[in-house]
């Protein structure tokens, strides 16, 4: 049975949960387990899912609940090249990271490392 996803730009987590039958805490857990699955956040810090995110939730639900994949198995399955146009929901091999953010994090880590090396022993 195909689920009809309303033609909206964004969906809140409760709407996605209702549409897909997946509880909000499970959706948040899947976000942490599947790197390319990151809904945007509103100014009030609410998750905003796009239509492709809802489609991915439905794909994950099918893999995990109907086909019996483990989280690791579903992750591998989603990384496989698409066999058909219906399988276009594959996750990228690496999540994209803002290069400037990465540079800032590296600099922070280097500063922290220097402070730890220079710190006197307790």
PDB file of N, CA and C in Angstrom:
ATOM      1  N   UNK A   1       0.837  -1.176   0.000  1.00  0.00           N
ATOM      2  CA  UNK A   1       0.000   0.000   0.000  1.00  0.00           C
ATOM      3  C   UNK A   1       0.888   1.249   0.000  1.00  0.00           C
ATOM      4  N   UNK A   2       0.788   2.050  -1.026  1.00  0.00           N
ATOM      5  CA  UNK A   2       1.582   3.267  -1.141  1.00  0.00           C
ATOM      6  C   UNK A   2       0.958   4.375  -0.297  1.00  0.00           C
ATOM      7  N   UNK A   3       1.820   5.113   0.361  1.00  0.00           N
ATOM      8  CA  UNK A   3       1.364   6.225   1.180  1.00  0.00           C
ATOM      9  C   UNK A   3       1.459   7.491   0.345  1.00  0.00           C
ATOM     10  N   UNK A   4       0.398   8.261   0.317  1.00  0.00           N
ATOM     11  CA  UNK A   4       0.400   9.514  -0.428  1.00  0.00           C
ATOM     12  C   UNK A   4       0.943  10.609   0.475  1.00  0.00           C
ATOM     13  N   UNK A   5       2.042  11.201   0.038  1.00  0.00           N
ATOM     14  CA  UNK A   5       2.682  12.272   0.803  1.00  0.00           C
ATOM     15  C   UNK A   5       2.122  13.599   0.302  1.00  0.00           C
ATOM     16  N   UNK A   6       1.568  14.406   1.196  1.00  0.00           N
ATOM     17  CA  UNK A   6       1.019  15.703   0.772  1.00  0.00           C
ATOM     18  C   UNK A   6       2.079  16.563   0.086  1.00  0.00           C
ATOM     19  N   UNK A   7       1.644  17.402  -0.821  1.00  0.00           N
ATOM     20  CA  UNK A   7       2.543  18.280  -1.559  1.00  0.00           C
ATOM     21  C   UNK A   7       2.831  19.523  -0.720  1.00  0.00           C
ATOM     22  N   UNK A   8       3.796  19.396   0.193  1.00  0.00           N
ATOM     23  CA  UNK A   8       4.205  20.490   1.077  1.00  0.00           C
ATOM     24  C   UNK A   8       5.713  20.629   0.993  1.00  0.00           C
ATOM     25  N   UNK A   9       6.206  21.803   1.320  1.00  0.00           N
ATOM     26  CA  UNK A   9       7.639  22.031   1.311  1.00  0.00           C
ATOM     27  C   UNK A   9       8.306  21.376   2.525  1.00  0.00           C
ATOM     28  N   UNK A  10       7.711  21.556   3.707  1.00  0.00           N
ATOM     29  CA  UNK A  10       8.290  21.020   4.939  1.00  0.00           C
ATOM     30  C   UNK A  10       7.233  20.317   5.775  1.00  0.00           C
ATOM     31  N   UNK A  11       7.696  19.329   6.552  1.00  0.00           N
ATOM     32  CA  UNK A  11       6.844  18.588   7.472  1.00  0.00           C
ATOM     33  C   UNK A  11       7.510  18.610   8.847  1.00  0.00           C
ATOM     34  N   UNK A  12       6.738  18.805   9.890  1.00  0.00           N
ATOM     35  CA  UNK A  12       7.265  18.720  11.254  1.00  0.00           C
ATOM     36  C   UNK A  12       7.357  17.251  11.633  1.00  0.00           C
ATOM     37  N   UNK A  13       8.130  16.958  12.670  1.00  0.00           N
ATOM     38  CA  UNK A  13       8.390  15.575  13.046  1.00  0.00           C
ATOM     39  C   UNK A  13       7.099  14.818  13.383  1.00  0.00           C
ATOM     40  N   UNK A  14       6.136  15.488  14.003  1.00  0.00           N
ATOM     41  CA  UNK A  14       4.862  14.843  14.324  1.00  0.00           C
ATOM     42  C   UNK A  14       4.092  14.456  13.074  1.00  0.00           C
ATOM     43  N   UNK A  15       4.161  15.313  12.054  1.00  0.00           N
ATOM     44  CA  UNK A  15       3.488  15.004  10.790  1.00  0.00           C
ATOM     45  C   UNK A  15       4.140  13.810  10.111  1.00  0.00           C
ATOM     46  N   UNK A  16       5.472  13.763  10.142  1.00  0.00           N
ATOM     47  CA  UNK A  16       6.194  12.650   9.536  1.00  0.00           C
ATOM     48  C   UNK A  16       5.864  11.356  10.287  1.00  0.00           C
ATOM     49  N   UNK A  17       5.815  11.442  11.604  1.00  0.00           N
ATOM     50  CA  UNK A  17       5.485  10.272  12.409  1.00  0.00           C
ATOM     51  C   UNK A  17       4.092   9.755  12.059  1.00  0.00           C
ATOM     52  N   UNK A  18       3.145  10.662  11.915  1.00  0.00           N
ATOM     53  CA  UNK A  18       1.777  10.267  11.592  1.00  0.00           C
ATOM     54  C   UNK A  18       1.686   9.684  10.180  1.00  0.00           C
ATOM     55  N   UNK A  19       2.364  10.314   9.225  1.00  0.00           N
ATOM     56  CA  UNK A  19       2.329   9.847   7.832  1.00  0.00           C
ATOM     57  C   UNK A  19       2.952   8.455   7.671  1.00  0.00           C
ATOM     58  N   UNK A  20       4.060   8.239   8.369  1.00  0.00           N
ATOM     59  CA  UNK A  20       4.849   7.027   8.149  1.00  0.00           C
ATOM     60  C   UNK A  20       4.579   5.911   9.159  1.00  0.00           C
ATOM     61  N   UNK A  21       3.991   6.269  10.288  1.00  0.00           N
ATOM     62  CA  UNK A  21       3.789   5.264  11.328  1.00  0.00           C
ATOM     63  C   UNK A  21       5.055   4.969  12.108  1.00  0.00           C
ATOM     64  N   UNK A  22       6.010   5.889  12.080  1.00  0.00           N
ATOM     65  CA  UNK A  22       7.276   5.736  12.811  1.00  0.00           C
ATOM     66  C   UNK A  22       7.300   6.791  13.909  1.00  0.00           C
ATOM     67  N   UNK A  23       7.512   6.371  15.130  1.00  0.00           N
ATOM     68  CA  UNK A  23       7.471   7.280  16.282  1.00  0.00           C
ATOM     69  C   UNK A  23       8.591   8.322  16.200  1.00  0.00           C
ATOM     70  N   UNK A  24       8.334   9.527  16.741  1.00  0.00           N
ATOM     71  CA  UNK A  24       9.346  10.594  16.673  1.00  0.00           C
ATOM     72  C   UNK A  24      10.706  10.212  17.256  1.00  0.00           C
ATOM     73  N   UNK A  25      10.727   9.466  18.366  1.00  0.00           N
ATOM     74  CA  UNK A  25      12.027   9.105  18.942  1.00  0.00           C
ATOM     75  C   UNK A  25      12.799   8.167  18.016  1.00  0.00           C
ATOM     76  N   UNK A  26      12.089   7.362  17.247  1.00  0.00           N
ATOM     77  CA  UNK A  26      12.746   6.479  16.273  1.00  0.00           C
ATOM     78  C   UNK A  26      13.305   7.321  15.124  1.00  0.00           C
ATOM     79  N   UNK A  27      12.549   8.315  14.688  1.00  0.00           N
ATOM     80  CA  UNK A  27      13.039   9.205  13.630  1.00  0.00           C
ATOM     81  C   UNK A  27      14.324   9.901  14.066  1.00  0.00           C
ATOM     82  N   UNK A  28      14.355  10.390  15.302  1.00  0.00           N
ATOM     83  CA  UNK A  28      15.558  11.065  15.803  1.00  0.00           C
ATOM     84  C   UNK A  28      16.730  10.086  15.879  1.00  0.00           C
ATOM     85  N   UNK A  29      16.450   8.851  16.275  1.00  0.00           N
ATOM     86  CA  UNK A  29      17.504   7.833  16.333  1.00  0.00           C
ATOM     87  C   UNK A  29      18.036   7.548  14.931  1.00  0.00           C
ATOM     88  N   UNK A  30      17.142   7.406  13.964  1.00  0.00           N
ATOM     89  CA  UNK A  30      17.586   7.141  12.589  1.00  0.00           C
ATOM     90  C   UNK A  30      18.454   8.276  12.075  1.00  0.00           C
ATOM     91  N   UNK A  31      18.149   9.506  12.460  1.00  0.00           N
ATOM     92  CA  UNK A  31      18.988  10.644  12.047  1.00  0.00           C
ATOM     93  C   UNK A  31      20.427  10.435  12.518  1.00  0.00           C
ATOM     94  N   UNK A  32      20.601   9.909  13.727  1.00  0.00           N
ATOM     95  CA  UNK A  32      21.948   9.705  14.252  1.00  0.00           C
ATOM     96  C   UNK A  32      22.645   8.514  13.592  1.00  0.00           C
ATOM     97  N   UNK A  33      21.888   7.570  13.082  1.00  0.00           N
ATOM     98  CA  UNK A  33      22.458   6.365  12.494  1.00  0.00           C
ATOM     99  C   UNK A  33      22.723   6.464  10.997  1.00  0.00           C
ATOM    100  N   UNK A  34      21.993   7.305  10.305  1.00  0.00           N
ATOM    101  CA  UNK A  34      22.127   7.416   8.855  1.00  0.00           C
ATOM    102  C   UNK A  34      22.614   8.824   8.521  1.00  0.00           C
ATOM    103  N   UNK A  35      23.923   8.937   8.236  1.00  0.00           N
ATOM    104  CA  UNK A  35      24.588  10.230   8.078  1.00  0.00           C
ATOM    105  C   UNK A  35      23.963  11.217   7.114  1.00  0.00           C
ATOM    106  N   UNK A  36      23.417  10.776   6.005  1.00  0.00           N
ATOM    107  CA  UNK A  36      22.879  11.703   5.025  1.00  0.00           C
ATOM    108  C   UNK A  36      21.458  12.130   5.307  1.00  0.00           C
ATOM    109  N   UNK A  37      20.944  11.728   6.435  1.00  0.00           N
ATOM    110  CA  UNK A  37      19.548  11.969   6.792  1.00  0.00           C
ATOM    111  C   UNK A  37      19.515  13.017   7.895  1.00  0.00           C
ATOM    112  N   UNK A  38      19.481  14.287   7.513  1.00  0.00           N
ATOM    113  CA  UNK A  38      19.493  15.384   8.476  1.00  0.00           C
ATOM    114  C   UNK A  38      18.441  16.425   8.105  1.00  0.00           C
ATOM    115  N   UNK A  39      17.290  16.400   8.753  1.00  0.00           N
ATOM    116  CA  UNK A  39      16.302  17.439   8.454  1.00  0.00           C
ATOM    117  C   UNK A  39      16.812  18.801   8.909  1.00  0.00           C
ATOM    118  N   UNK A  40      16.340  19.834   8.237  1.00  0.00           N
ATOM    119  CA  UNK A  40      16.701  21.185   8.638  1.00  0.00           C
ATOM    120  C   UNK A  40      16.012  21.504   9.958  1.00  0.00           C
ATOM    121  N   UNK A  41      16.462  22.588  10.592  1.00  0.00           N
ATOM    122  CA  UNK A  41      15.820  23.018  11.834  1.00  0.00           C
ATOM    123  C   UNK A  41      15.292  24.437  11.644  1.00  0.00           C
ATOM    124  N   UNK A  42      14.126  24.679  12.230  1.00  0.00           N
ATOM    125  CA  UNK A  42      13.532  26.008  12.160  1.00  0.00           C
ATOM    126  C   UNK A  42      14.213  26.908  13.194  1.00  0.00           C
ATOM    127  N   UNK A  43      13.820  28.173  13.207  1.00  0.00           N
ATOM    128  CA  UNK A  43      14.375  29.102  14.197  1.00  0.00           C
ATOM    129  C   UNK A  43      14.051  28.660  15.612  1.00  0.00           C
ATOM    130  N   UNK A  44      12.915  27.979  15.766  1.00  0.00           N
ATOM    131  CA  UNK A  44      12.524  27.489  17.092  1.00  0.00           C
ATOM    132  C   UNK A  44      13.067  26.078  17.343  1.00  0.00           C
ATOM    133  N   UNK A  45      14.025  25.652  16.510  1.00  0.00           N
ATOM    134  CA  UNK A  45      14.734  24.377  16.657  1.00  0.00           C
ATOM    135  C   UNK A  45      13.846  23.153  16.392  1.00  0.00           C
ATOM    136  N   UNK A  46      12.756  23.323  15.656  1.00  0.00           N
ATOM    137  CA  UNK A  46      11.926  22.183  15.268  1.00  0.00           C
ATOM    138  C   UNK A  46      12.491  21.565  13.999  1.00  0.00           C
ATOM    139  N   UNK A  47      12.451  20.244  13.945  1.00  0.00           N
ATOM    140  CA  UNK A  47      12.915  19.556  12.747  1.00  0.00           C
ATOM    141  C   UNK A  47      11.946  19.816  11.601  1.00  0.00           C
ATOM    142  N   UNK A  48      12.510  20.098  10.431  1.00  0.00           N
ATOM    143  CA  UNK A  48      11.708  20.327   9.238  1.00  0.00           C
ATOM    144  C   UNK A  48      12.149  19.342   8.162  1.00  0.00           C
ATOM    145  N   UNK A  49      11.305  18.357   7.932  1.00  0.00           N
ATOM    146  CA  UNK A  49      11.600  17.321   6.952  1.00  0.00           C
ATOM    147  C   UNK A  49      11.092  17.743   5.579  1.00  0.00           C
ATOM    148  N   UNK A  50      11.861  17.442   4.542  1.00  0.00           N
ATOM    149  CA  UNK A  50      11.423  17.671   3.173  1.00  0.00           C
ATOM    150  C   UNK A  50      10.761  16.402   2.648  1.00  0.00           C
ATOM    151  N   UNK A  51      10.161  16.491   1.491  1.00  0.00           N
ATOM    152  CA  UNK A  51       9.471  15.336   0.916  1.00  0.00           C
ATOM    153  C   UNK A  51      10.439  14.166   0.730  1.00  0.00           C
ATOM    154  N   UNK A  52      11.656  14.449   0.263  1.00  0.00           N
ATOM    155  CA  UNK A  52      12.618  13.355   0.056  1.00  0.00           C
ATOM    156  C   UNK A  52      13.011  12.713   1.394  1.00  0.00           C
ATOM    157  N   UNK A  53      12.994  13.490   2.493  1.00  0.00           N
ATOM    158  CA  UNK A  53      13.261  12.917   3.812  1.00  0.00           C
ATOM    159  C   UNK A  53      12.149  11.943   4.206  1.00  0.00           C
ATOM    160  N   UNK A  54      10.898  12.333   3.932  1.00  0.00           N
ATOM    161  CA  UNK A  54       9.753  11.468   4.248  1.00  0.00           C
ATOM    162  C   UNK A  54       9.837  10.184   3.414  1.00  0.00           C
ATOM    163  N   UNK A  55      10.219  10.316   2.149  1.00  0.00           N
ATOM    164  CA  UNK A  55      10.379   9.133   1.299  1.00  0.00           C
ATOM    165  C   UNK A  55      11.476   8.229   1.835  1.00  0.00           C
ATOM    166  N   UNK A  56      12.561   8.827   2.336  1.00  0.00           N
ATOM    167  CA  UNK A  56      13.652   8.040   2.914  1.00  0.00           C
ATOM    168  C   UNK A  56      13.185   7.325   4.179  1.00  0.00           C
ATOM    169  N   UNK A  57      12.390   7.988   5.000  1.00  0.00           N
ATOM    170  CA  UNK A  57      11.844   7.349   6.206  1.00  0.00           C
ATOM    171  C   UNK A  57      11.022   6.119   5.801  1.00  0.00           C
ATOM    172  N   UNK A  58      10.209   6.260   4.777  1.00  0.00           N
ATOM    173  CA  UNK A  58       9.408   5.125   4.314  1.00  0.00           C
ATOM    174  C   UNK A  58      10.302   3.997   3.795  1.00  0.00           C
ATOM    175  N   UNK A  59      11.385   4.353   3.109  1.00  0.00           N
ATOM    176  CA  UNK A  59      12.337   3.336   2.604  1.00  0.00           C
ATOM    177  C   UNK A  59      13.012   2.638   3.775  1.00  0.00           C
ATOM    178  N   UNK A  60      13.451   3.410   4.764  1.00  0.00           N
ATOM    179  CA  UNK A  60      14.090   2.821   5.948  1.00  0.00           C
ATOM    180  C   UNK A  60      13.123   1.909   6.689  1.00  0.00           C
ATOM    181  N   UNK A  61      11.897   2.361   6.839  1.00  0.00           N
ATOM    182  CA  UNK A  61      10.889   1.554   7.524  1.00  0.00           C
ATOM    183  C   UNK A  61      10.710   0.218   6.812  1.00  0.00           C
ATOM    184  N   UNK A  62      10.654   0.249   5.486  1.00  0.00           N
ATOM    185  CA  UNK A  62      10.509  -0.983   4.717  1.00  0.00           C
ATOM    186  C   UNK A  62      11.721  -1.894   4.916  1.00  0.00           C
ATOM    187  N   UNK A  63      12.926  -1.334   4.815  1.00  0.00           N
ATOM    188  CA  UNK A  63      14.135  -2.139   4.975  1.00  0.00           C
ATOM    189  C   UNK A  63      14.231  -2.760   6.363  1.00  0.00           C
ATOM    190  N   UNK A  64      13.943  -1.964   7.385  1.00  0.00           N
ATOM    191  CA  UNK A  64      14.130  -2.427   8.763  1.00  0.00           C
ATOM    192  C   UNK A  64      12.984  -3.296   9.264  1.00  0.00           C
ATOM    193  N   UNK A  65      11.759  -2.893   8.976  1.00  0.00           N
ATOM    194  CA  UNK A  65      10.604  -3.584   9.545  1.00  0.00           C
ATOM    195  C   UNK A  65      10.053  -4.689   8.655  1.00  0.00           C
ATOM    196  N   UNK A  66      10.046  -4.481   7.344  1.00  0.00           N
ATOM    197  CA  UNK A  66       9.454  -5.477   6.449  1.00  0.00           C
ATOM    198  C   UNK A  66      10.475  -6.458   5.893  1.00  0.00           C
ATOM    199  N   UNK A  67      11.650  -5.945   5.505  1.00  0.00           N
ATOM    200  CA  UNK A  67      12.647  -6.820   4.896  1.00  0.00           C
ATOM    201  C   UNK A  67      13.625  -7.409   5.907  1.00  0.00           C
ATOM    202  N   UNK A  68      13.585  -6.945   7.146  1.00  0.00           N
ATOM    203  CA  UNK A  68      14.389  -7.533   8.211  1.00  0.00           C
ATOM    204  C   UNK A  68      15.854  -7.138   8.232  1.00  0.00           C
ATOM    205  N   UNK A  69      16.220  -6.031   7.596  1.00  0.00           N
ATOM    206  CA  UNK A  69      17.604  -5.578   7.636  1.00  0.00           C
ATOM    207  C   UNK A  69      17.943  -5.048   9.023  1.00  0.00           C
ATOM    208  N   UNK A  70      19.205  -5.169   9.390  1.00  0.00           N
ATOM    209  CA  UNK A  70      19.700  -4.502  10.591  1.00  0.00           C
ATOM    210  C   UNK A  70      20.008  -3.054  10.211  1.00  0.00           C
ATOM    211  N   UNK A  71      20.331  -2.236  11.196  1.00  0.00           N
ATOM    212  CA  UNK A  71      20.714  -0.853  10.904  1.00  0.00           C
ATOM    213  C   UNK A  71      21.924  -0.846   9.962  1.00  0.00           C
ATOM    214  N   UNK A  72      22.937  -1.647  10.285  1.00  0.00           N
ATOM    215  CA  UNK A  72      24.140  -1.698   9.441  1.00  0.00           C
ATOM    216  C   UNK A  72      23.799  -2.199   8.042  1.00  0.00           C
ATOM    217  N   UNK A  73      22.950  -3.205   7.952  1.00  0.00           N
ATOM    218  CA  UNK A  73      22.556  -3.738   6.653  1.00  0.00           C
ATOM    219  C   UNK A  73      21.773  -2.722   5.841  1.00  0.00           C
ATOM    220  N   UNK A  74      20.881  -1.986   6.485  1.00  0.00           N
ATOM    221  CA  UNK A  74      20.108  -0.957   5.798  1.00  0.00           C
ATOM    222  C   UNK A  74      21.032   0.157   5.319  1.00  0.00           C
ATOM    223  N   UNK A  75      22.021   0.500   6.140  1.00  0.00           N
ATOM    224  CA  UNK A  75      22.985   1.529   5.751  1.00  0.00           C
ATOM    225  C   UNK A  75      23.732   1.096   4.483  1.00  0.00           C
ATOM    226  N   UNK A  76      24.174  -0.169   4.459  1.00  0.00           N
ATOM    227  CA  UNK A  76      24.864  -0.684   3.266  1.00  0.00           C
ATOM    228  C   UNK A  76      23.943  -0.705   2.056  1.00  0.00           C
ATOM    229  N   UNK A  77      22.707  -1.142   2.264  1.00  0.00           N
ATOM    230  CA  UNK A  77      21.738  -1.225   1.170  1.00  0.00           C
ATOM    231  C   UNK A  77      21.493   0.156   0.560  1.00  0.00           C
ATOM    232  N   UNK A  78      21.388   1.176   1.401  1.00  0.00           N
ATOM    233  CA  UNK A  78      21.136   2.520   0.908  1.00  0.00           C
ATOM    234  C   UNK A  78      22.336   3.108   0.176  1.00  0.00           C
ATOM    235  N   UNK A  79      23.513   2.580   0.439  1.00  0.00           N
ATOM    236  CA  UNK A  79      24.716   3.079  -0.232  1.00  0.00           C
ATOM    237  C   UNK A  79      24.956   2.399  -1.573  1.00  0.00           C
ATOM    238  N   UNK A  80      24.244   1.309  -1.830  1.00  0.00           N
ATOM    239  CA  UNK A  80      24.406   0.608  -3.106  1.00  0.00           C
ATOM    240  C   UNK A  80      23.955   1.514  -4.241  1.00  0.00           C
ATOM    241  N   UNK A  81      24.592   1.366  -5.412  1.00  0.00           N
ATOM    242  CA  UNK A  81      24.123   2.146  -6.567  1.00  0.00           C
ATOM    243  C   UNK A  81      22.667   1.811  -6.871  1.00  0.00           C
ATOM    244  N   UNK A  82      21.931   2.792  -7.298  1.00  0.00           N
ATOM    245  CA  UNK A  82      20.509   2.606  -7.587  1.00  0.00           C
ATOM    246  C   UNK A  82      20.339   1.648  -8.758  1.00  0.00           C
ATOM    247  N   UNK A  83      19.540   0.611  -8.536  1.00  0.00           N
ATOM    248  CA  UNK A  83      19.273  -0.362  -9.586  1.00  0.00           C
ATOM    249  C   UNK A  83      18.177   0.121 -10.510  1.00  0.00           C
ATOM    250  N   UNK A  84      17.315   0.985 -10.004  1.00  0.00           N
ATOM    251  CA  UNK A  84      16.207   1.490 -10.802  1.00  0.00           C
ATOM    252  C   UNK A  84      15.902   2.919 -10.361  1.00  0.00           C
ATOM    253  N   UNK A  85      15.112   3.650 -11.136  1.00  0.00           N
ATOM    254  CA  UNK A  85      14.766   5.019 -10.722  1.00  0.00           C
ATOM    255  C   UNK A  85      14.049   5.070  -9.381  1.00  0.00           C
ATOM    256  N   UNK A  86      13.396   3.980  -8.981  1.00  0.00           N
ATOM    257  CA  UNK A  86      12.712   3.959  -7.691  1.00  0.00           C
ATOM    258  C   UNK A  86      13.684   3.911  -6.523  1.00  0.00           C
ATOM    259  N   UNK A  87      14.919   3.522  -6.783  1.00  0.00           N
ATOM    260  CA  UNK A  87      15.915   3.393  -5.732  1.00  0.00           C
ATOM    261  C   UNK A  87      16.812   4.623  -5.619  1.00  0.00           C
ATOM    262  N   UNK A  88      16.333   5.774  -5.975  1.00  0.00           N
ATOM    263  CA  UNK A  88      17.136   6.986  -5.965  1.00  0.00           C
ATOM    264  C   UNK A  88      17.319   7.559  -4.564  1.00  0.00           C
ATOM    265  N   UNK A  89      16.871   6.860  -3.528  1.00  0.00           N
ATOM    266  CA  UNK A  89      16.966   7.382  -2.169  1.00  0.00           C
ATOM    267  C   UNK A  89      18.241   6.947  -1.462  1.00  0.00           C
ATOM    268  N   UNK A  90      19.248   6.543  -2.232  1.00  0.00           N
ATOM    269  CA  UNK A  90      20.498   6.109  -1.631  1.00  0.00           C
ATOM    270  C   UNK A  90      21.166   7.288  -0.933  1.00  0.00           C
ATOM    271  N   UNK A  91      21.787   6.996   0.203  1.00  0.00           N
ATOM    272  CA  UNK A  91      22.493   8.031   0.952  1.00  0.00           C
ATOM    273  C   UNK A  91      23.863   8.263   0.341  1.00  0.00           C
ATOM    274  N   UNK A  92      24.416   9.460   0.452  1.00  0.00           N
ATOM    275  CA  UNK A  92      25.770   9.679  -0.037  1.00  0.00           C
ATOM    276  C   UNK A  92      26.749   8.846   0.779  1.00  0.00           C
ATOM    277  N   UNK A  93      27.875   8.480   0.174  1.00  0.00           N
ATOM    278  CA  UNK A  93      28.864   7.685   0.894  1.00  0.00           C
ATOM    279  C   UNK A  93      29.415   8.439   2.094  1.00  0.00           C
ATOM    280  N   UNK A  94      29.579   9.722   1.967  1.00  0.00           N
ATOM    281  CA  UNK A  94      30.053  10.541   3.080  1.00  0.00           C
ATOM    282  C   UNK A  94      29.104  11.708   3.249  1.00  0.00           C
ATOM    283  N   UNK A  95      28.720  11.999   4.490  1.00  0.00           N
ATOM    284  CA  UNK A  95      27.902  13.193   4.679  1.00  0.00           C
ATOM    285  C   UNK A  95      28.720  14.430   4.300  1.00  0.00           C
ATOM    286  N   UNK A  96      28.084  15.417   3.728  1.00  0.00           N
ATOM    287  CA  UNK A  96      28.809  16.627   3.360  1.00  0.00           C
ATOM    288  C   UNK A  96      29.026  17.486   4.596  1.00  0.00           C
ATOM    289  N   UNK A  97      30.210  18.066   4.676  1.00  0.00           N
ATOM    290  CA  UNK A  97      30.580  18.900   5.817  1.00  0.00           C
ATOM    291  C   UNK A  97      31.043  20.241   5.276  1.00  0.00           C
ATOM    292  N   UNK A  98      30.610  21.309   5.911  1.00  0.00           N
ATOM    293  CA  UNK A  98      31.025  22.645   5.527  1.00  0.00           C
ATOM    294  C   UNK A  98      32.531  22.766   5.753  1.00  0.00           C
ATOM    295  N   UNK A  99      33.306  23.063   4.716  1.00  0.00           N
ATOM    296  CA  UNK A  99      34.769  23.138   4.863  1.00  0.00           C
ATOM    297  C   UNK A  99      35.216  24.168   5.900  1.00  0.00           C
ATOM    298  N   UNK A 100      34.500  25.284   5.992  1.00  0.00           N
ATOM    299  CA  UNK A 100      34.882  26.297   6.980  1.00  0.00           C
ATOM    300  C   UNK A 100      34.668  25.776   8.405  1.00  0.00           C
ATOM    301  N   UNK A 101      33.566  25.072   8.612  1.00  0.00           N
ATOM    302  CA  UNK A 101      33.300  24.494   9.928  1.00  0.00           C
ATOM    303  C   UNK A 101      34.375  23.468  10.276  1.00  0.00           C
ATOM    304  N   UNK A 102      34.742  22.648   9.308  1.00  0.00           N
ATOM    305  CA  UNK A 102      35.777  21.651   9.520  1.00  0.00           C
ATOM    306  C   UNK A 102      37.105  22.312   9.896  1.00  0.00           C
ATOM    307  N   UNK A 103      37.428  23.406   9.224  1.00  0.00           N
ATOM    308  CA  UNK A 103      38.659  24.132   9.512  1.00  0.00           C
ATOM    309  C   UNK A 103      38.636  24.697  10.934  1.00  0.00           C
ATOM    310  N   UNK A 104      37.494  25.239  11.350  1.00  0.00           N
ATOM    311  CA  UNK A 104      37.360  25.777  12.710  1.00  0.00           C
ATOM    312  C   UNK A 104      37.488  24.671  13.758  1.00  0.00           C
ATOM    313  N   UNK A 105      36.877  23.538  13.502  1.00  0.00           N
ATOM    314  CA  UNK A 105      36.942  22.418  14.452  1.00  0.00           C
ATOM    315  C   UNK A 105      38.383  21.925  14.576  1.00  0.00           C
ATOM    316  N   UNK A 106      39.081  21.814  13.446  1.00  0.00           N
ATOM    317  CA  UNK A 106      40.485  21.387  13.488  1.00  0.00           C
ATOM    318  C   UNK A 106      41.330  22.360  14.300  1.00  0.00           C
ATOM    319  N   UNK A 107      41.119  23.652  14.079  1.00  0.00           N
ATOM    320  CA  UNK A 107      41.878  24.657  14.825  1.00  0.00           C
ATOM    321  C   UNK A 107      41.584  24.549  16.318  1.00  0.00           C
ATOM    322  N   UNK A 108      40.322  24.365  16.681  1.00  0.00           N
ATOM    323  CA  UNK A 108      39.949  24.205  18.093  1.00  0.00           C
ATOM    324  C   UNK A 108      40.621  22.975  18.693  1.00  0.00           C
ATOM    325  N   UNK A 109      40.646  21.891  17.946  1.00  0.00           N
ATOM    326  CA  UNK A 109      41.271  20.659  18.449  1.00  0.00           C
ATOM    327  C   UNK A 109      42.778  20.834  18.627  1.00  0.00           C
ATOM    328  N   UNK A 110      43.407  21.514  17.689  1.00  0.00           N
ATOM    329  CA  UNK A 110      44.844  21.765  17.824  1.00  0.00           C
ATOM    330  C   UNK A 110      45.146  22.625  19.046  1.00  0.00           C
ATOM    331  N   UNK A 111      44.319  23.674  19.278  1.00  0.00           N
ATOM    332  CA  UNK A 111      44.511  24.509  20.473  1.00  0.00           C
ATOM    333  C   UNK A 111      44.332  23.680  21.747  1.00  0.00           C
ATOM    334  N   UNK A 112      43.325  22.844  21.773  1.00  0.00           N
ATOM    335  CA  UNK A 112      43.075  21.998  22.936  1.00  0.00           C
ATOM    336  C   UNK A 112      44.231  21.031  23.160  1.00  0.00           C
ATOM    337  N   UNK A 113      44.732  20.462  22.086  1.00  0.00           N
ATOM    338  CA  UNK A 113      45.860  19.525  22.191  1.00  0.00           C
ATOM    339  C   UNK A 113      47.086  20.223  22.786  1.00  0.00           C
ATOM    340  N   UNK A 114      47.376  21.447  22.281  1.00  0.00           N
ATOM    341  CA  UNK A 114      48.512  22.191  22.815  1.00  0.00           C
ATOM    342  C   UNK A 114      48.352  22.467  24.301  1.00  0.00           C
ATOM    343  N   UNK A 115      47.130  22.848  24.705  1.00  0.00           N
ATOM    344  CA  UNK A 115      46.884  23.131  26.127  1.00  0.00           C
ATOM    345  C   UNK A 115      47.060  21.886  26.986  1.00  0.00           C
ATOM    346  N   UNK A 116      46.618  20.739  26.475  1.00  0.00           N
ATOM    347  CA  UNK A 116      46.766  19.495  27.224  1.00  0.00           C
ATOM    348  C   UNK A 116      48.229  19.080  27.352  1.00  0.00           C
ATOM    349  N   UNK A 117      48.980  19.249  26.269  1.00  0.00           N
ATOM    350  CA  UNK A 117      50.404  18.877  26.289  1.00  0.00           C
ATOM    351  C   UNK A 117      51.175  19.799  27.233  1.00  0.00           C
ATOM    352  N   UNK A 118      50.814  21.076  27.267  1.00  0.00           N
ATOM    353  CA  UNK A 118      51.519  22.054  28.091  1.00  0.00           C
ATOM    354  C   UNK A 118      51.063  22.067  29.546  1.00  0.00           C
ATOM    355  N   UNK A 119      49.944  21.430  29.820  1.00  0.00           N
ATOM    356  CA  UNK A 119      49.404  21.452  31.193  1.00  0.00           C
ATOM    357  C   UNK A 119      50.305  20.677  32.133  1.00  0.00           C
ATOM    358  N   UNK A 120      50.497  21.217  33.347  1.00  0.00           N
ATOM    359  CA  UNK A 120      51.305  20.485  34.339  1.00  0.00           C
ATOM    360  C   UNK A 120      50.587  19.222  34.800  1.00  0.00           C
ATOM    361  N   UNK A 121      51.371  18.227  35.153  1.00  0.00           N
ATOM    362  CA  UNK A 121      50.794  16.974  35.663  1.00  0.00           C
ATOM    363  C   UNK A 121      50.155  17.219  37.023  1.00  0.00           C
ATOM    364  N   UNK A 122      49.026  16.576  37.299  1.00  0.00           N
ATOM    365  CA  UNK A 122      48.357  16.782  38.599  1.00  0.00           C
ATOM    366  C   UNK A 122      49.081  16.119  39.735  1.00  0.00           C
TER     367      UNK A 122
END
